[in-house]
N, C-alpha and C. Protein backbone atom coordinates (compact mmCIF):
# COMPACT_ATOMS: atom_id res chain seq x y z
N UNK A 1 114.46 60.31 43.70
CA UNK A 1 114.55 59.99 42.18
C UNK A 1 113.36 59.67 41.87
N UNK A 2 112.84 59.90 40.74
CA UNK A 2 111.58 59.53 40.12
C UNK A 2 111.78 58.69 38.81
N UNK A 3 112.97 58.56 38.51
CA UNK A 3 113.37 57.60 37.34
C UNK A 3 113.45 56.23 37.92
N UNK A 4 113.11 55.41 36.77
CA UNK A 4 113.17 53.78 37.13
C UNK A 4 114.92 53.34 37.32
N UNK A 5 115.02 52.52 38.27
CA UNK A 5 116.20 51.90 38.48
C UNK A 5 117.00 51.37 37.10
N UNK A 6 116.41 50.93 36.29
CA UNK A 6 116.96 50.47 35.02
C UNK A 6 117.59 51.33 34.12
N UNK A 7 117.54 52.79 34.70
CA UNK A 7 118.05 53.85 34.03
C UNK A 7 119.56 53.84 34.48
N UNK A 8 119.94 53.20 35.75
CA UNK A 8 121.12 53.75 36.27
C UNK A 8 121.86 52.26 36.42
N UNK A 9 121.08 50.97 36.51
CA UNK A 9 121.78 49.63 36.75
C UNK A 9 120.70 48.77 36.26
N UNK A 10 121.50 47.28 36.10
CA UNK A 10 120.59 46.43 35.64
C UNK A 10 120.37 45.57 37.05
N UNK A 11 119.05 45.08 37.49
CA UNK A 11 118.69 44.35 38.36
C UNK A 11 118.66 43.06 38.37
N UNK A 12 119.36 42.20 38.80
CA UNK A 12 119.38 40.74 38.43
C UNK A 12 119.53 39.89 39.87
N UNK A 13 119.36 38.43 39.65
CA UNK A 13 119.99 37.82 40.58
C UNK A 13 120.57 36.43 40.06
N UNK A 14 121.20 35.83 41.19
CA UNK A 14 122.08 34.54 40.73
C UNK A 14 120.91 33.36 40.98
N UNK A 15 120.34 33.01 39.90
CA UNK A 15 119.28 31.86 39.77
C UNK A 15 119.66 30.77 40.76
N UNK A 16 120.69 30.16 40.64
CA UNK A 16 120.91 28.91 41.42
C UNK A 16 121.10 29.34 43.00
N UNK A 17 121.22 30.55 43.45
CA UNK A 17 121.24 30.70 44.80
C UNK A 17 119.74 31.10 45.33
N UNK A 18 119.15 31.72 44.48
CA UNK A 18 117.47 32.09 44.76
C UNK A 18 116.63 30.74 44.67
N UNK A 19 117.20 29.70 43.79
CA UNK A 19 116.51 28.41 43.66
C UNK A 19 117.61 27.19 43.74
N UNK A 20 117.87 27.10 44.98
CA UNK A 20 119.02 26.41 45.17
C UNK A 20 118.68 24.92 44.77
N UNK A 21 117.46 24.39 44.64
CA UNK A 21 117.16 23.03 43.96
C UNK A 21 117.70 22.90 42.57
N UNK A 22 117.88 23.97 41.94
CA UNK A 22 118.75 23.71 40.69
C UNK A 22 120.13 23.81 40.65
N UNK A 23 120.85 23.81 41.50
CA UNK A 23 122.32 23.90 41.93
C UNK A 23 122.92 22.76 41.07
N UNK A 24 122.29 21.59 40.99
CA UNK A 24 123.02 20.30 40.54
C UNK A 24 122.81 20.33 39.03
N UNK A 25 122.03 21.42 38.24
CA UNK A 25 121.87 21.44 36.90
C UNK A 25 120.59 20.65 36.49
N UNK A 26 119.61 20.49 37.41
CA UNK A 26 118.23 19.80 37.15
C UNK A 26 117.62 20.70 38.12
N UNK A 27 116.35 19.72 38.13
CA UNK A 27 115.19 20.45 39.20
C UNK A 27 114.62 21.42 38.12
N UNK A 28 113.74 22.44 38.94
CA UNK A 28 112.69 23.21 38.11
C UNK A 28 113.29 24.28 37.41
N UNK A 29 114.42 24.17 36.57
CA UNK A 29 115.45 25.30 35.99
C UNK A 29 114.50 25.99 35.21
N UNK A 30 113.83 25.47 34.26
CA UNK A 30 112.83 26.29 33.17
C UNK A 30 111.75 27.04 33.79
N UNK A 31 111.16 26.53 34.71
CA UNK A 31 109.93 27.11 35.63
C UNK A 31 110.47 28.18 36.16
N UNK A 32 111.74 28.27 36.94
CA UNK A 32 112.24 29.06 37.83
C UNK A 32 112.77 30.16 36.95
N UNK A 33 113.54 29.96 36.06
CA UNK A 33 114.00 30.89 34.80
C UNK A 33 112.91 31.66 34.29
N UNK A 34 111.76 31.14 33.91
CA UNK A 34 110.71 31.70 33.39
C UNK A 34 110.18 32.65 34.13
N UNK A 35 109.98 32.44 35.33
CA UNK A 35 109.28 33.04 36.41
C UNK A 35 110.24 34.63 36.72
N UNK A 36 111.52 34.41 36.60
CA UNK A 36 112.23 35.40 36.81
C UNK A 36 112.26 36.53 35.40
N UNK A 37 112.34 35.65 34.22
CA UNK A 37 112.63 36.52 32.80
C UNK A 37 111.05 37.26 32.59
N UNK A 38 109.92 36.81 33.20
CA UNK A 38 108.57 37.77 32.91
C UNK A 38 108.51 38.60 33.97
N UNK A 39 109.46 38.56 34.90
CA UNK A 39 109.12 39.97 35.91
C UNK A 39 110.02 40.95 35.70
N UNK A 40 108.95 41.94 35.30
CA UNK A 40 109.77 43.26 34.66
C UNK A 40 110.78 44.08 35.74
N UNK A 41 110.81 43.43 36.69
CA UNK A 41 111.60 44.14 37.76
C UNK A 41 113.00 43.55 37.36
N UNK A 42 113.30 42.34 36.86
CA UNK A 42 114.60 41.88 36.44
C UNK A 42 115.16 41.80 35.19
N UNK A 43 116.31 42.32 34.89
CA UNK A 43 116.84 42.48 33.66
C UNK A 43 118.26 41.73 33.53
N UNK A 44 118.56 40.96 34.39
CA UNK A 44 119.81 40.34 34.41
C UNK A 44 119.54 39.19 35.36
N UNK A 45 120.39 37.88 34.98
CA UNK A 45 120.27 36.87 35.62
C UNK A 45 121.81 36.02 35.64
N UNK A 46 122.09 35.36 36.54
CA UNK A 46 123.13 34.55 36.71
C UNK A 46 122.75 33.17 36.70
N UNK A 47 123.03 32.45 35.50
CA UNK A 47 122.41 30.89 35.44
C UNK A 47 123.88 29.90 35.95
N UNK A 48 123.56 28.68 35.97
CA UNK A 48 124.77 27.82 35.86
C UNK A 48 124.32 26.56 35.00
N UNK A 49 124.95 25.50 35.02
CA UNK A 49 125.05 24.37 34.11
C UNK A 49 123.46 24.17 34.13
N UNK A 50 122.94 23.66 33.17
CA UNK A 50 121.74 23.02 32.86
C UNK A 50 122.06 21.60 31.99
N UNK A 51 121.81 20.50 32.71
CA UNK A 51 122.12 19.24 32.26
C UNK A 51 121.48 18.82 31.01
N UNK A 52 120.02 19.04 31.14
CA UNK A 52 119.30 18.54 29.90
C UNK A 52 119.17 19.67 29.10
N UNK A 53 119.65 19.12 27.47
CA UNK A 53 120.18 19.85 26.58
C UNK A 53 118.59 20.55 26.15
N UNK A 54 117.37 19.65 26.24
CA UNK A 54 116.27 20.30 25.79
C UNK A 54 115.83 21.40 26.38
N UNK A 55 115.96 21.27 27.91
CA UNK A 55 115.42 22.45 29.02
C UNK A 55 116.58 23.38 28.63
N UNK A 56 117.81 23.22 28.58
CA UNK A 56 118.79 24.28 28.21
C UNK A 56 118.35 25.06 26.89
N UNK A 57 117.95 24.66 26.01
CA UNK A 57 117.48 25.52 24.80
C UNK A 57 116.11 25.96 25.18
N UNK A 58 115.18 25.61 25.71
CA UNK A 58 114.10 26.38 26.34
C UNK A 58 114.51 27.55 26.99
N UNK A 59 115.43 27.33 27.91
CA UNK A 59 115.75 28.49 28.90
C UNK A 59 116.74 29.43 28.03
N UNK A 60 117.56 28.70 27.05
CA UNK A 60 118.17 30.19 26.18
C UNK A 60 117.18 30.78 25.32
N UNK A 61 116.04 30.16 24.70
CA UNK A 61 114.93 30.94 24.30
C UNK A 61 114.53 32.06 24.97
N UNK A 62 114.10 31.49 26.21
CA UNK A 62 113.14 32.64 26.88
C UNK A 62 114.09 33.63 27.33
N UNK A 63 115.39 33.58 27.88
CA UNK A 63 116.35 34.59 28.22
C UNK A 63 116.78 35.23 26.91
N UNK A 64 116.59 34.79 25.76
CA UNK A 64 116.91 35.60 24.41
C UNK A 64 115.62 36.48 24.27
N UNK A 65 114.67 35.95 24.42
CA UNK A 65 113.41 36.70 23.98
C UNK A 65 113.10 37.61 25.14
N UNK A 66 113.63 37.51 26.47
CA UNK A 66 113.10 38.59 27.14
C UNK A 66 114.21 39.64 27.32
N UNK A 67 115.24 39.47 26.34
CA UNK A 67 116.55 40.27 26.14
C UNK A 67 117.36 40.64 27.58
N UNK A 68 117.28 39.50 28.35
CA UNK A 68 117.92 39.54 29.89
C UNK A 68 119.46 39.42 29.36
N UNK A 69 120.38 40.32 30.32
CA UNK A 69 121.70 40.06 30.48
C UNK A 69 121.95 38.73 31.18
N UNK A 70 122.80 38.01 30.36
CA UNK A 70 123.03 36.69 31.10
C UNK A 70 124.45 36.33 31.57
N UNK A 71 124.54 35.82 32.73
CA UNK A 71 125.95 35.54 33.16
C UNK A 71 126.24 34.35 33.57
N UNK A 72 127.27 33.49 33.54
CA UNK A 72 127.46 32.10 33.82
C UNK A 72 128.03 32.08 35.06
N UNK A 73 127.50 31.13 36.10
CA UNK A 73 128.37 30.81 37.35
C UNK A 73 128.75 29.52 37.42
N UNK A 74 129.89 29.08 37.35
CA UNK A 74 130.32 27.84 36.94
C UNK A 74 130.91 27.11 38.60
N UNK A 75 130.64 27.80 39.49
CA UNK A 75 130.87 27.62 41.02
C UNK A 75 130.17 26.02 41.15
N UNK A 76 128.82 26.02 41.03
CA UNK A 76 128.06 24.82 41.25
C UNK A 76 129.11 23.73 40.47
N UNK A 77 129.44 23.60 39.37
CA UNK A 77 130.02 22.43 38.63
C UNK A 77 131.14 21.97 39.33
N UNK A 78 131.84 23.00 40.05
CA UNK A 78 133.10 22.45 40.57
C UNK A 78 132.80 22.17 42.04
N UNK A 79 131.58 22.78 42.66
CA UNK A 79 131.41 22.62 44.07
C UNK A 79 130.57 21.19 44.25
N UNK A 80 129.80 21.12 43.53
CA UNK A 80 128.85 19.61 43.50
C UNK A 80 129.86 18.44 43.02
N UNK A 81 130.58 18.56 42.27
CA UNK A 81 131.54 17.66 41.78
C UNK A 81 132.73 17.26 42.77
N UNK A 82 132.92 18.62 43.50
CA UNK A 82 134.15 18.44 44.24
C UNK A 82 135.24 18.37 43.49
N UNK A 83 135.24 19.49 42.47
CA UNK A 83 136.65 19.76 41.62
C UNK A 83 137.30 20.64 42.07
N UNK A 84 138.53 20.98 41.70
CA UNK A 84 139.31 21.84 42.36
C UNK A 84 140.33 22.24 41.13
N UNK A 85 140.51 23.35 40.74
CA UNK A 85 141.32 23.73 39.63
C UNK A 85 142.78 24.04 40.07
N UNK A 86 143.11 23.88 41.47
CA UNK A 86 144.31 23.81 42.04
C UNK A 86 144.80 22.75 42.51
N UNK A 87 144.38 21.61 42.30
CA UNK A 87 144.45 20.35 42.67
C UNK A 87 145.79 20.21 42.31
N UNK A 88 146.87 19.53 43.01
CA UNK A 88 148.20 19.42 42.78
C UNK A 88 148.08 17.85 42.09
N UNK A 89 147.12 17.21 42.29
CA UNK A 89 146.93 15.63 41.44
C UNK A 89 146.71 16.29 40.13
N UNK A 90 147.59 15.92 39.05
CA UNK A 90 147.30 16.44 37.61
C UNK A 90 145.95 16.04 37.02
N UNK A 91 145.69 14.54 37.05
CA UNK A 91 144.55 14.09 36.57
C UNK A 91 143.16 14.66 37.14
N UNK A 92 143.37 14.98 38.40
CA UNK A 92 142.33 15.70 39.08
C UNK A 92 142.14 17.33 38.70
N UNK A 93 143.18 17.74 38.33
CA UNK A 93 143.06 19.12 38.02
C UNK A 93 142.55 19.24 36.76
N UNK A 94 142.92 18.32 36.12
CA UNK A 94 142.59 18.29 34.58
C UNK A 94 141.04 18.15 34.26
N UNK A 95 140.69 17.12 35.15
CA UNK A 95 139.08 17.02 35.28
C UNK A 95 138.17 18.17 35.60
N UNK A 96 138.85 19.12 36.49
CA UNK A 96 138.15 20.29 37.04
C UNK A 96 138.14 21.44 35.92
N UNK A 97 139.53 21.40 35.11
CA UNK A 97 139.58 22.43 33.93
C UNK A 97 138.59 21.82 32.85
N UNK A 98 138.55 20.21 32.77
CA UNK A 98 137.61 20.01 31.50
C UNK A 98 136.08 20.50 31.89
N UNK A 99 135.78 20.30 32.92
CA UNK A 99 134.47 20.69 33.50
C UNK A 99 134.07 22.34 33.15
N UNK A 100 135.04 23.03 33.55
CA UNK A 100 134.93 24.46 33.45
C UNK A 100 134.98 24.72 31.71
N UNK A 101 135.74 23.92 30.94
CA UNK A 101 135.60 24.49 29.40
C UNK A 101 134.32 23.79 28.90
N UNK A 102 133.57 22.74 29.57
CA UNK A 102 132.18 22.41 29.03
C UNK A 102 131.59 23.75 29.60
N UNK A 103 131.86 24.26 30.68
CA UNK A 103 130.92 25.38 31.26
C UNK A 103 131.08 26.62 30.50
N UNK A 104 132.18 26.84 29.69
CA UNK A 104 132.64 27.95 28.57
C UNK A 104 131.64 27.71 27.41
N UNK A 105 131.72 26.43 27.17
CA UNK A 105 131.02 26.09 25.98
C UNK A 105 129.46 26.36 26.15
N UNK A 106 128.90 26.04 27.15
CA UNK A 106 127.48 26.00 27.55
C UNK A 106 127.20 27.69 27.93
N UNK A 107 128.22 28.31 28.31
CA UNK A 107 127.82 29.85 28.64
C UNK A 107 127.73 30.56 27.45
N UNK A 108 128.75 30.05 26.42
CA UNK A 108 128.41 30.72 25.05
C UNK A 108 127.31 30.32 24.35
N UNK A 109 126.67 28.93 24.41
CA UNK A 109 125.42 28.72 24.03
C UNK A 109 124.48 29.67 24.51
N UNK A 110 124.46 29.65 25.77
CA UNK A 110 123.24 30.48 26.31
C UNK A 110 123.43 32.08 25.97
N UNK A 111 124.41 32.40 25.54
CA UNK A 111 124.53 34.02 25.40
C UNK A 111 124.92 34.93 26.56
N UNK A 112 125.88 34.05 27.34
CA UNK A 112 126.19 34.82 28.83
C UNK A 112 127.22 35.56 28.24
N UNK A 113 127.38 36.74 28.87
CA UNK A 113 128.47 37.79 28.86
C UNK A 113 129.33 37.97 29.68
N UNK A 114 129.31 36.75 30.51
CA UNK A 114 130.33 36.75 31.60
C UNK A 114 130.41 35.44 31.95
N UNK A 115 131.55 34.90 32.57
CA UNK A 115 131.83 33.58 33.12
C UNK A 115 132.67 33.63 34.76
N UNK A 116 132.28 33.21 35.51
CA UNK A 116 132.83 33.08 36.81
C UNK A 116 133.08 31.57 37.25
N UNK A 117 134.11 31.62 38.04
CA UNK A 117 134.50 30.23 38.82
C UNK A 117 135.33 30.52 39.98
N UNK A 118 135.58 29.52 40.70
CA UNK A 118 136.52 29.71 41.95
C UNK A 118 137.50 28.72 42.09
N UNK A 119 138.63 29.12 42.94
CA UNK A 119 139.56 28.22 43.01
C UNK A 119 139.20 27.45 44.11
N UNK A 120 140.12 26.48 44.38
CA UNK A 120 139.58 25.16 45.13
C UNK A 120 140.25 25.23 46.56
N UNK A 121 140.38 24.51 47.40
CA UNK A 121 141.03 24.70 49.04
C UNK A 121 142.59 23.98 48.66
N UNK A 122 143.11 24.58 49.60
CA UNK A 122 144.48 23.96 49.61
C UNK A 122 145.20 24.07 50.90
N UNK A 123 146.09 23.27 51.24
CA UNK A 123 146.65 23.11 52.42
C UNK A 123 147.58 24.28 52.62
N UNK A 124 148.12 25.00 53.65
CA UNK A 124 148.85 26.17 53.96
C UNK A 124 150.17 25.95 53.45
N UNK A 125 150.61 24.45 53.69
CA UNK A 125 152.00 24.03 53.47
C UNK A 125 152.56 23.85 51.77
N UNK A 126 151.07 23.68 51.11
CA UNK A 126 151.38 23.39 49.79
C UNK A 126 150.94 24.90 49.09
N UNK A 127 150.66 26.01 49.60
CA UNK A 127 149.99 27.14 49.05
C UNK A 127 150.82 27.40 47.73
N UNK A 128 152.03 27.83 47.53
CA UNK A 128 152.65 28.00 46.45
C UNK A 128 152.45 27.16 45.25
N UNK A 129 152.60 25.90 45.74
CA UNK A 129 152.22 24.86 44.38
C UNK A 129 150.82 24.86 43.95
N UNK A 130 150.00 25.00 45.04
CA UNK A 130 148.64 25.11 44.69
C UNK A 130 148.40 26.35 43.64
N UNK A 131 149.05 27.35 44.09
CA UNK A 131 149.04 28.79 43.36
C UNK A 131 149.29 28.51 42.00
N UNK A 132 150.62 27.72 41.75
CA UNK A 132 151.06 27.55 40.57
C UNK A 132 150.13 26.70 39.94
N UNK A 133 149.51 25.70 40.14
CA UNK A 133 148.43 24.95 39.59
C UNK A 133 147.14 25.63 39.09
N UNK A 134 146.66 26.96 40.13
CA UNK A 134 145.67 27.44 39.87
C UNK A 134 146.02 28.46 38.63
N UNK A 135 147.20 29.38 38.55
CA UNK A 135 147.35 29.91 37.55
C UNK A 135 147.55 29.29 36.06
N UNK A 136 148.15 28.07 36.00
CA UNK A 136 148.22 27.12 34.89
C UNK A 136 146.80 26.72 34.42
N UNK A 137 145.62 26.58 35.40
CA UNK A 137 144.29 26.18 34.81
C UNK A 137 143.61 27.63 34.32
N UNK A 138 144.00 28.75 35.16
CA UNK A 138 143.15 29.89 34.54
C UNK A 138 143.83 30.26 33.17
N UNK A 139 144.93 30.30 32.99
CA UNK A 139 145.68 30.33 31.46
C UNK A 139 144.94 29.61 30.67
N UNK A 140 144.99 28.03 31.00
CA UNK A 140 144.29 27.33 30.03
C UNK A 140 142.71 27.75 29.55
N UNK A 141 142.31 27.97 30.77
CA UNK A 141 140.75 28.41 30.59
C UNK A 141 140.68 29.67 29.62
N UNK A 142 141.77 30.52 29.93
CA UNK A 142 141.47 31.87 29.03
C UNK A 142 141.80 31.32 27.65
N UNK A 143 142.88 30.76 27.54
CA UNK A 143 143.00 30.37 26.06
C UNK A 143 141.98 29.70 25.41
N UNK A 144 141.42 28.88 26.14
CA UNK A 144 140.32 28.25 25.54
C UNK A 144 139.15 29.13 25.24
N UNK A 145 138.72 29.82 26.17
CA UNK A 145 137.40 31.00 25.90
C UNK A 145 137.86 31.77 24.85
N UNK A 146 139.31 32.26 24.57
CA UNK A 146 139.65 33.00 23.30
C UNK A 146 139.17 32.20 21.95
N UNK A 147 139.21 30.82 22.11
CA UNK A 147 138.80 30.17 20.87
C UNK A 147 137.49 30.33 20.29
N UNK A 148 136.68 30.74 21.33
CA UNK A 148 135.29 30.54 21.04
C UNK A 148 135.01 31.71 19.87
N UNK A 149 135.44 32.67 19.91
CA UNK A 149 135.21 33.93 19.00
C UNK A 149 133.99 34.27 18.92
N UNK A 150 133.06 34.34 20.02
CA UNK A 150 131.77 34.68 20.08
C UNK A 150 131.46 36.13 20.80
N UNK A 151 130.98 36.91 20.01
CA UNK A 151 131.04 38.48 20.46
C UNK A 151 130.13 38.47 21.08
N UNK A 152 128.97 37.53 21.40
CA UNK A 152 127.98 37.65 22.43
C UNK A 152 128.13 36.90 23.63
N UNK A 153 129.24 36.03 23.58
CA UNK A 153 129.81 35.28 24.54
C UNK A 153 130.71 35.77 25.79
N UNK A 154 131.42 34.94 26.17
CA UNK A 154 132.09 35.33 27.40
C UNK A 154 133.40 36.35 26.68
N UNK A 155 133.20 37.40 27.74
CA UNK A 155 134.10 38.67 27.65
C UNK A 155 135.33 38.37 28.44
């Protein structure tokens, strides 16, 4: 093959896995995203929460200027805060759902074309109830994402 890879695929990486010091939504987020954005090899990136609004705006701008495809991984939001969208405690489940809704807002703000998250742990003895809670959470999140009406945002 003598043609560039980008003719057949987008090459990207999961930013918060490549730079684990950013997994909590802080650390050298801008510097490390910038390093990826200016590297001609990459044309896609999966980011996660960026707590500082000023840094988030700088990252949004560099990703937009670089024309990178952006995806948003909400797994760190849940894992670092020990949240679980299939928690049987309704207050805890709603806290997890609220965090993911904030993540959807942030993903839209960042121009992300995708949003990923994960289910939580459960005991085998309550598997069916945990599954019902998970389904309820996912439906709530999908309904929320539909309200965004952002054609450049979450698909």
